[in-house]
Amino acid sequence: MNAPLCRLCASPLDHTFVDLGMSPPCESYLAADQLDQGETFYPLHVRVCSSCLLVQLPEYVTAEDIFSHYAYFSSYSDSWVEHARRYVDEAAERLGLDESSFVVEVASNDGYLLQHAKARGLRVHGIEPAANVAEAAVAKGIDTTVRFLGEKSGTELADEHGKADLVVANNVFAHVPDIVDFSRGLRALVADGGTITIEIPHLLRLVEGREYDTIYHEHFSYLSLLTTQRVLAEAGLTVVDVQEIPTHGGSLRTWSMPTEHASEPSAAVAKVLDDERRAGLHTLEGHDGFAPVVAAARNDFVEFLIARAREGAKVAGYGAPGKGNTLLNHCGIRADLLSFTVDRNPFKHGKFLPGTHIPIHAPEKLAEERPDYIVILPWNLKKEITAQLEYTREWGAKLVVPLPHLEIF
């Protein structure tokens, strides 16, 4: 069997980063009448390119199949909406944006971010491939085009709406299989003197924090600053600054400009590159050793659940995020160990998690069932969710986060 090819440099991908076995697409929630119809499982075999070092998952599932109708609505996380508001305020101040400025967001979801830019009087436009999610943005008054971004669509949208002073591509860069064409789409959208910001989960933090549940079929690439620079350079873009931010277990926010108009990179760029280099991520050999770390994290979680089952304790989940489905499927967890989970998104109520078939209920189910332990599956939102679950102290429930390290509190 021929090895898949690197999406950046087309070299054969013959070096494994980590292999998580088989899993269904993480957002393919099931209705009750689908439980006995069978599901398609795809490999979660992540490679690292021996030439350019891009860590990547081959396109086992197409972006059109994943994102054309989507179950994720950003606005159901209060902390995420607040994160977006702070970002908009910072970008507006930093770039001097005013009523004459034009802001475009790619993968604009339900308008969670652009609503803040619009509130500041900025002209905004969203680009969102999922029609059902885009409807929610339009209902908020956010002008939105339902389309995937590439060089062709970016050029056409810029011709129609004008070039943007700021292009926002936060938490989408890892989600595109043709990352070079997507980057060229960003270049087509931005004005020559404009700025592009990209937020990505940082590969360095994924490795350090055992955050393997962020590996799923929606995430085609797992990026360091080094590989991000290499991808953007293919589209004529240069990273001029970078911020390390806490979201998704540790992310980077890069600030890029068209190369011919770019300023000198900041000291922060050199600092992050040096951190990556010292961690070994600028060599092929430095990417080895993640698989045993993943196995240890899996064993900790499974042993905890089996011990609770032997005690007769009731364990439920909080949240139904994509990352939780990677974790549960990799660990082989079913409803006998995690009886149900709850989620604030009504789109998921009455459905079942892919692969594991664990039922999803509204949050009120916790007070009805009073589980002894509640596993916070979106552990990156631990602080927000812990506050939401304060009432579970009434019956002495304990909260659990499975990663980066198993914690019971």
Protein backbone atom coordinates (compact mmCIF):
# COMPACT_ATOMS: atom_id res chain seq x y z
CA MET A 1 0.00 0.00 0.00
CA ASN A 2 1.35 3.40 -0.97
CA ALA A 3 1.85 5.93 1.83
CA PRO A 4 -0.38 9.04 1.69
CA LEU A 5 1.32 12.26 0.60
CA CYS A 6 2.04 15.34 2.68
CA ARG A 7 -0.52 18.10 2.08
CA LEU A 8 2.21 20.74 2.21
CA CYS A 9 5.21 19.32 0.32
CA ALA A 10 3.81 16.11 -1.26
CA SER A 11 6.45 13.86 0.33
CA PRO A 12 5.34 10.32 1.27
CA LEU A 13 4.00 10.14 4.85
CA ASP A 14 5.80 7.08 6.19
CA HIS A 15 6.50 8.20 9.79
CA THR A 16 3.84 7.69 12.50
CA PHE A 17 3.21 10.36 15.14
CA VAL A 18 0.45 8.41 16.93
CA ASP A 19 -2.11 5.81 15.86
CA LEU A 20 -5.41 5.92 17.80
CA GLY A 21 -7.01 3.09 15.88
CA MET A 22 -10.45 3.49 14.30
CA SER A 23 -13.13 6.01 15.22
CA PRO A 24 -16.31 7.44 13.66
CA PRO A 25 -16.43 11.13 12.70
CA CYS A 26 -16.62 12.94 16.03
CA GLU A 27 -19.66 15.11 15.27
CA SER A 28 -21.78 12.32 13.71
CA TYR A 29 -24.35 12.16 16.51
CA LEU A 30 -26.97 9.46 16.11
CA ALA A 31 -30.75 9.46 16.40
CA ALA A 32 -32.35 6.49 18.17
CA ASP A 33 -33.43 4.88 14.89
CA GLN A 34 -29.81 4.92 13.65
CA LEU A 35 -28.31 2.88 16.48
CA ASP A 36 -28.76 -0.48 14.74
CA GLN A 37 -27.92 0.67 11.23
CA GLY A 38 -24.14 0.44 11.55
CA GLU A 39 -21.54 3.21 11.50
CA THR A 40 -18.45 3.86 9.43
CA PHE A 41 -15.19 4.02 11.40
CA TYR A 42 -12.09 5.62 9.90
CA PRO A 43 -8.43 5.50 10.95
CA LEU A 44 -7.04 8.07 13.35
CA HIS A 45 -3.48 7.43 12.21
CA VAL A 46 -1.52 10.68 12.48
CA ARG A 47 1.75 11.02 10.56
CA VAL A 48 4.57 13.53 10.60
CA CYS A 49 6.19 14.50 7.32
CA SER A 50 9.89 13.62 7.34
CA SER A 51 10.59 16.52 4.95
CA CYS A 52 8.63 19.55 6.20
CA LEU A 53 7.59 18.20 9.66
CA LEU A 54 3.88 18.96 9.23
CA VAL A 55 1.94 16.65 11.57
CA GLN A 56 -1.23 15.60 9.80
CA LEU A 57 -4.15 13.23 9.48
CA PRO A 58 -4.88 12.07 5.93
CA GLU A 59 -8.26 13.07 4.51
CA TYR A 60 -10.14 9.94 5.49
CA VAL A 61 -13.39 11.96 5.61
CA THR A 62 -13.97 14.91 3.26
CA ALA A 63 -14.47 18.42 4.59
CA GLU A 64 -17.77 18.59 2.70
CA ASP A 65 -19.05 15.53 4.56
CA ILE A 66 -17.99 16.97 7.93
CA PHE A 67 -18.82 20.66 7.68
CA SER A 68 -21.72 21.12 5.26
CA HIS A 69 -24.19 20.42 8.10
CA TYR A 70 -22.60 20.88 11.48
CA ALA A 71 -23.57 20.23 15.10
CA TYR A 72 -21.21 22.75 16.71
CA PHE A 73 -22.53 26.20 17.65
CA SER A 74 -19.90 28.43 19.26
CA SER A 75 -22.35 30.55 21.22
CA TYR A 76 -23.27 27.72 23.62
CA SER A 77 -19.97 28.34 25.41
CA ASP A 78 -20.16 31.57 27.41
CA SER A 79 -16.40 31.65 27.89
CA TRP A 80 -15.82 31.24 24.15
CA VAL A 81 -18.09 34.18 23.33
CA GLU A 82 -16.21 36.23 25.91
CA HIS A 83 -12.88 35.12 24.41
CA ALA A 84 -14.11 36.38 21.04
CA ARG A 85 -15.18 39.72 22.51
CA ARG A 86 -11.77 40.29 24.07
CA TYR A 87 -10.09 39.36 20.79
CA VAL A 88 -12.20 41.84 18.81
CA ASP A 89 -11.44 44.63 21.27
CA GLU A 90 -7.71 43.89 21.13
CA ALA A 91 -7.58 43.64 17.34
CA ALA A 92 -9.57 46.86 16.89
CA GLU A 93 -7.24 48.78 19.21
CA ARG A 94 -4.06 47.24 17.84
CA LEU A 95 -4.95 47.81 14.18
CA GLY A 96 -6.82 51.08 14.62
CA LEU A 97 -10.06 49.71 13.17
CA ASP A 98 -12.98 52.13 12.89
CA GLU A 99 -16.30 52.50 11.07
CA SER A 100 -14.50 52.56 7.72
CA SER A 101 -12.82 49.20 8.36
CA PHE A 102 -13.92 45.86 6.93
CA VAL A 103 -13.59 42.62 8.90
CA VAL A 104 -14.09 39.17 7.37
CA GLU A 105 -14.20 35.98 9.41
CA VAL A 106 -13.67 32.57 7.82
CA ALA A 107 -15.58 29.75 9.54
CA SER A 108 -17.70 32.41 11.21
CA ASN A 109 -20.03 29.81 12.75
CA ASP A 110 -23.12 31.34 14.37
CA GLY A 111 -21.80 34.91 14.50
CA TYR A 112 -20.28 34.47 17.97
CA LEU A 113 -17.31 36.75 17.06
CA LEU A 114 -18.52 39.08 14.32
CA GLN A 115 -21.41 40.22 16.52
CA HIS A 116 -18.82 42.02 18.66
CA ALA A 117 -17.17 43.63 15.63
CA LYS A 118 -20.56 44.76 14.37
CA ALA A 119 -21.37 46.22 17.79
CA ARG A 120 -18.26 48.41 17.42
CA GLY A 121 -19.64 49.79 14.16
CA LEU A 122 -17.29 47.81 11.88
CA ARG A 123 -18.48 46.44 8.55
CA VAL A 124 -18.42 42.65 8.77
CA HIS A 125 -18.90 39.59 6.60
CA GLY A 126 -18.83 35.92 7.55
CA ILE A 127 -17.86 32.93 5.44
CA GLU A 128 -19.30 29.68 6.84
CA PRO A 129 -19.65 26.34 5.01
CA ALA A 130 -22.40 24.90 7.26
CA ALA A 131 -25.73 26.29 6.09
CA ASN A 132 -27.56 25.36 9.31
CA VAL A 133 -25.02 27.23 11.44
CA ALA A 134 -24.90 30.22 9.07
CA GLU A 135 -28.66 30.63 9.54
CA ALA A 136 -28.05 31.40 13.21
CA ALA A 137 -25.55 34.11 12.25
CA VAL A 138 -27.92 35.68 9.73
CA ALA A 139 -30.61 35.74 12.43
CA LYS A 140 -28.21 37.93 14.46
CA GLY A 141 -27.86 40.31 11.54
CA ILE A 142 -24.43 39.05 10.44
CA ASP A 143 -24.05 39.10 6.66
CA THR A 144 -22.84 35.57 5.83
CA THR A 145 -21.87 33.63 2.71
CA VAL A 146 -22.29 29.85 2.81
CA ARG A 147 -19.12 28.62 1.14
CA PHE A 148 -15.80 26.86 1.64
CA LEU A 149 -12.74 29.09 1.31
CA GLY A 150 -10.05 28.50 -1.28
CA GLU A 151 -8.09 30.73 -3.65
CA LYS A 152 -10.94 30.82 -6.20
CA SER A 153 -13.74 31.55 -3.73
CA GLY A 154 -11.56 34.04 -1.84
CA THR A 155 -10.89 35.97 -5.02
CA GLU A 156 -14.57 35.97 -5.96
CA LEU A 157 -15.66 37.12 -2.49
CA ALA A 158 -13.05 39.91 -2.48
CA ASP A 159 -14.29 41.07 -5.89
CA GLU A 160 -17.86 41.12 -4.55
CA HIS A 161 -17.34 42.65 -1.10
CA GLY A 162 -13.91 44.29 -1.25
CA LYS A 163 -10.66 43.33 0.44
CA ALA A 164 -10.59 43.20 4.23
CA ASP A 165 -8.50 45.18 6.67
CA LEU A 166 -8.68 42.19 9.03
CA VAL A 167 -9.29 38.57 8.11
CA VAL A 168 -10.05 36.31 11.06
CA ALA A 169 -9.38 32.58 10.70
CA ASN A 170 -9.53 31.46 14.30
CA ASN A 171 -9.76 27.71 14.95
CA VAL A 172 -10.27 26.74 11.32
CA PHE A 173 -6.72 26.46 9.94
CA ALA A 174 -6.34 22.91 11.25
CA HIS A 175 -9.74 21.96 9.82
CA VAL A 176 -8.96 22.26 6.10
CA PRO A 177 -7.49 19.39 4.05
CA ASP A 178 -6.00 21.64 1.35
CA ILE A 179 -4.29 24.03 3.73
CA VAL A 180 -2.21 25.73 1.00
CA ASP A 181 -5.25 26.55 -1.16
CA PHE A 182 -7.03 27.80 1.98
CA SER A 183 -4.05 30.05 2.79
CA ARG A 184 -4.15 31.45 -0.73
CA GLY A 185 -7.83 32.16 -0.13
CA LEU A 186 -6.86 34.17 2.95
CA ARG A 187 -4.34 36.12 0.85
CA ALA A 188 -7.03 36.82 -1.73
CA LEU A 189 -9.36 38.22 0.94
CA VAL A 190 -6.93 40.56 2.71
CA ALA A 191 -5.91 44.05 1.61
CA ASP A 192 -2.21 44.51 0.81
CA GLY A 193 -1.66 46.37 4.08
CA GLY A 194 -4.13 44.26 6.02
CA THR A 195 -3.72 41.61 8.69
CA ILE A 196 -4.74 37.97 9.07
CA THR A 197 -5.08 36.37 12.49
CA ILE A 198 -5.11 32.62 12.90
CA GLU A 199 -5.72 30.73 16.13
CA ILE A 200 -4.52 27.13 16.23
CA PRO A 201 -4.07 24.56 18.98
CA HIS A 202 -0.29 24.47 19.48
CA LEU A 203 1.38 21.13 18.76
CA LEU A 204 3.85 21.82 21.55
CA ARG A 205 1.03 22.02 24.12
CA LEU A 206 -0.69 18.94 22.68
CA VAL A 207 2.49 16.94 23.26
CA GLU A 208 3.32 18.42 26.67
CA GLY A 209 -0.25 18.14 27.94
CA ARG A 210 -1.14 14.65 26.63
CA GLU A 211 -4.02 16.34 24.79
CA TYR A 212 -4.60 13.51 22.36
CA ASP A 213 -8.38 13.91 22.37
CA THR A 214 -7.90 16.95 20.12
CA ILE A 215 -7.04 14.45 17.37
CA TYR A 216 -10.12 13.73 15.28
CA HIS A 217 -11.16 13.68 11.64
CA GLU A 218 -12.09 17.37 11.60
CA HIS A 219 -8.49 18.27 12.49
CA PHE A 220 -6.43 17.53 9.40
CA SER A 221 -3.25 19.27 10.63
CA TYR A 222 -1.51 19.65 14.03
CA LEU A 223 0.58 22.75 13.80
CA SER A 224 3.69 24.22 15.30
CA LEU A 225 4.67 27.80 14.60
CA LEU A 226 7.39 26.46 12.30
CA THR A 227 4.98 24.54 10.10
CA THR A 228 2.44 27.36 10.21
CA GLN A 229 5.09 29.71 8.83
CA ARG A 230 5.92 27.22 6.08
CA VAL A 231 2.29 26.85 5.02
CA LEU A 232 1.61 30.60 4.98
CA ALA A 233 4.80 31.28 3.03
CA GLU A 234 3.35 29.18 0.20
CA ALA A 235 0.56 31.78 -0.04
CA GLY A 236 2.79 34.85 0.17
CA LEU A 237 2.07 35.53 3.85
CA THR A 238 4.52 36.20 6.69
CA VAL A 239 3.97 35.78 10.44
CA VAL A 240 4.88 39.09 12.07
CA ASP A 241 3.77 38.34 15.63
CA VAL A 242 2.46 35.49 17.76
CA GLN A 243 0.65 35.23 21.09
CA GLU A 244 0.42 32.18 23.32
CA ILE A 245 -3.15 31.87 24.60
CA PRO A 246 -4.76 29.32 26.95
CA THR A 247 -7.67 28.18 24.76
CA HIS A 248 -7.98 24.51 23.73
CA GLY A 249 -5.32 23.48 26.19
CA GLY A 250 -2.80 25.96 24.77
CA SER A 251 -3.03 27.74 21.42
CA LEU A 252 -1.16 30.19 19.23
CA ARG A 253 -2.64 33.33 17.73
CA THR A 254 -0.53 34.38 14.76
CA TRP A 255 -0.66 37.83 13.17
CA SER A 256 0.32 37.70 9.49
CA MET A 257 0.60 40.13 6.61
CA PRO A 258 1.23 39.87 2.87
CA THR A 259 4.96 39.23 2.60
CA GLU A 260 5.72 42.27 0.46
CA HIS A 261 4.15 44.55 3.10
CA ALA A 262 5.14 42.66 6.26
CA SER A 263 7.07 44.19 9.12
CA GLU A 264 9.97 42.39 10.80
CA PRO A 265 8.79 39.48 13.00
CA SER A 266 8.51 40.31 16.69
CA ALA A 267 10.67 38.86 19.45
CA ALA A 268 7.71 36.64 20.39
CA VAL A 269 8.07 34.76 17.10
CA ALA A 270 11.71 33.92 17.86
CA LYS A 271 10.79 32.93 21.43
CA VAL A 272 8.09 30.42 20.39
CA LEU A 273 10.30 28.96 17.67
CA ASP A 274 13.05 28.50 20.25
CA ASP A 275 10.63 26.77 22.65
CA GLU A 276 9.64 24.37 19.87
CA ARG A 277 13.25 23.73 18.93
CA ARG A 278 14.21 22.90 22.52
CA ALA A 279 11.24 20.51 22.75
CA GLY A 280 12.49 18.67 19.66
CA LEU A 281 9.70 19.70 17.31
CA HIS A 282 12.11 21.02 14.68
CA THR A 283 13.46 17.50 14.06
CA LEU A 284 11.74 14.31 12.96
CA GLU A 285 13.12 12.36 15.91
CA GLY A 286 11.73 14.92 18.35
CA HIS A 287 8.19 13.85 17.41
CA ASP A 288 8.71 10.29 18.66
CA GLY A 289 7.52 9.12 22.06
CA PHE A 290 3.96 10.47 22.06
CA ALA A 291 2.27 7.06 21.69
CA PRO A 292 3.40 5.71 25.12
CA VAL A 293 2.19 8.94 26.76
CA VAL A 294 -1.22 8.47 25.13
CA ALA A 295 -1.41 4.87 26.31
CA ALA A 296 -0.70 5.94 29.90
CA ALA A 297 -3.45 8.60 29.82
CA ARG A 298 -5.93 6.06 28.41
CA ASN A 299 -5.07 3.51 31.08
CA ASP A 300 -5.56 6.04 33.90
CA PHE A 301 -9.06 6.94 32.71
CA VAL A 302 -10.21 3.38 31.99
CA GLU A 303 -8.94 2.11 35.34
CA PHE A 304 -10.81 4.91 37.12
CA LEU A 305 -14.10 4.05 35.40
CA ILE A 306 -13.75 0.31 36.00
CA ALA A 307 -13.02 0.91 39.69
CA ARG A 308 -16.14 3.09 40.01
CA ALA A 309 -18.25 0.44 38.27
CA ARG A 310 -17.03 -2.20 40.73
CA GLU A 311 -18.06 0.09 43.60
CA GLY A 312 -21.53 0.50 42.10
CA ALA A 313 -21.06 4.25 41.66
CA LYS A 314 -23.01 6.11 38.98
CA VAL A 315 -20.85 8.06 36.53
CA ALA A 316 -22.23 10.57 33.99
CA GLY A 317 -20.63 13.03 31.62
CA TYR A 318 -20.90 16.77 31.08
CA GLY A 319 -20.65 17.91 27.48
CA ALA A 320 -20.73 16.14 24.13
CA PRO A 321 -17.74 17.70 22.37
CA GLY A 322 -15.87 16.20 19.44
CA LYS A 323 -12.78 15.72 21.59
CA GLY A 324 -14.79 13.65 24.05
CA ASN A 325 -15.73 11.24 21.28
CA THR A 326 -12.08 10.64 20.41
CA LEU A 327 -11.34 9.91 24.06
CA LEU A 328 -14.32 7.61 24.65
CA ASN A 329 -13.86 5.62 21.45
CA HIS A 330 -10.12 5.22 21.97
CA CYS A 331 -10.74 4.00 25.52
CA GLY A 332 -13.58 1.66 24.48
CA ILE A 333 -16.03 3.32 26.89
CA ARG A 334 -19.72 2.46 26.61
CA ALA A 335 -22.86 3.29 28.62
CA ASP A 336 -22.08 0.60 31.22
CA LEU A 337 -19.16 2.78 32.40
CA LEU A 338 -20.53 6.26 31.53
CA SER A 339 -24.30 6.04 31.74
CA PHE A 340 -25.16 9.29 29.95
CA THR A 341 -23.87 12.77 29.22
CA VAL A 342 -25.54 16.19 29.09
CA ASP A 343 -25.02 19.18 26.83
CA ARG A 344 -26.35 22.73 26.58
CA ASN A 345 -26.84 22.42 22.82
CA PRO A 346 -30.47 21.35 22.18
CA PHE A 347 -29.42 20.09 18.73
CA LYS A 348 -27.82 17.12 20.53
CA HIS A 349 -30.57 16.31 23.03
CA GLY A 350 -32.11 12.88 22.52
CA LYS A 351 -29.22 11.77 20.34
CA PHE A 352 -26.35 9.41 21.04
CA LEU A 353 -22.57 9.79 20.89
CA PRO A 354 -21.00 8.27 17.78
CA GLY A 355 -19.39 4.88 18.26
CA THR A 356 -20.10 4.62 21.98
CA HIS A 357 -23.90 5.17 21.77
CA ILE A 358 -23.94 6.97 25.11
CA PRO A 359 -27.20 8.99 25.34
CA ILE A 360 -27.14 12.82 25.40
CA HIS A 361 -29.63 14.69 27.59
CA ALA A 362 -30.34 18.26 28.62
CA PRO A 363 -28.32 19.46 31.66
CA GLU A 364 -31.37 19.07 33.93
CA LYS A 365 -30.85 15.29 33.74
CA LEU A 366 -27.99 15.59 36.24
CA ALA A 367 -30.28 16.85 39.00
CA GLU A 368 -32.76 14.08 38.21
CA GLU A 369 -30.22 11.24 38.28
CA ARG A 370 -27.75 12.65 40.84
CA PRO A 371 -24.65 10.78 39.65
CA ASP A 372 -21.77 10.22 42.06
CA TYR A 373 -19.17 11.38 39.52
CA ILE A 374 -19.45 13.79 36.57
CA VAL A 375 -16.75 13.59 33.90
CA ILE A 376 -16.12 16.97 32.25
CA LEU A 377 -15.43 15.94 28.65
CA PRO A 378 -14.60 19.46 27.35
CA TRP A 379 -11.84 19.69 29.98
CA ASN A 380 -10.49 22.86 28.37
CA LEU A 381 -13.62 24.60 29.73
CA LYS A 382 -13.08 23.19 33.23
CA LYS A 383 -13.34 26.53 35.02
CA GLU A 384 -16.58 27.58 33.29
CA ILE A 385 -18.21 24.17 33.69
CA THR A 386 -17.16 23.76 37.32
CA ALA A 387 -19.03 27.00 38.07
CA GLN A 388 -22.09 25.73 36.19
CA LEU A 389 -22.02 22.50 38.21
CA GLU A 390 -21.74 24.15 41.62
CA TYR A 391 -25.27 22.93 42.45
CA THR A 392 -24.17 19.28 42.27
CA ARG A 393 -22.51 19.77 45.66
CA GLU A 394 -26.04 19.30 47.05
CA TRP A 395 -25.74 15.55 46.70
CA GLY A 396 -21.95 15.30 47.03
CA ALA A 397 -21.08 14.69 43.38
CA LYS A 398 -17.39 14.76 42.48
CA LEU A 399 -16.12 16.25 39.25
CA VAL A 400 -13.56 14.51 37.05
CA VAL A 401 -11.35 15.73 34.21
CA PRO A 402 -9.67 12.94 32.23
CA LEU A 403 -6.91 15.04 30.64
CA PRO A 404 -4.22 16.30 30.60
CA HIS A 405 -3.98 14.26 33.83
CA LEU A 406 -6.83 12.46 35.59
CA GLU A 407 -8.13 14.78 38.31
CA ILE A 408 -10.97 14.25 40.77
CA PHE A 409 -12.23 17.19 42.82
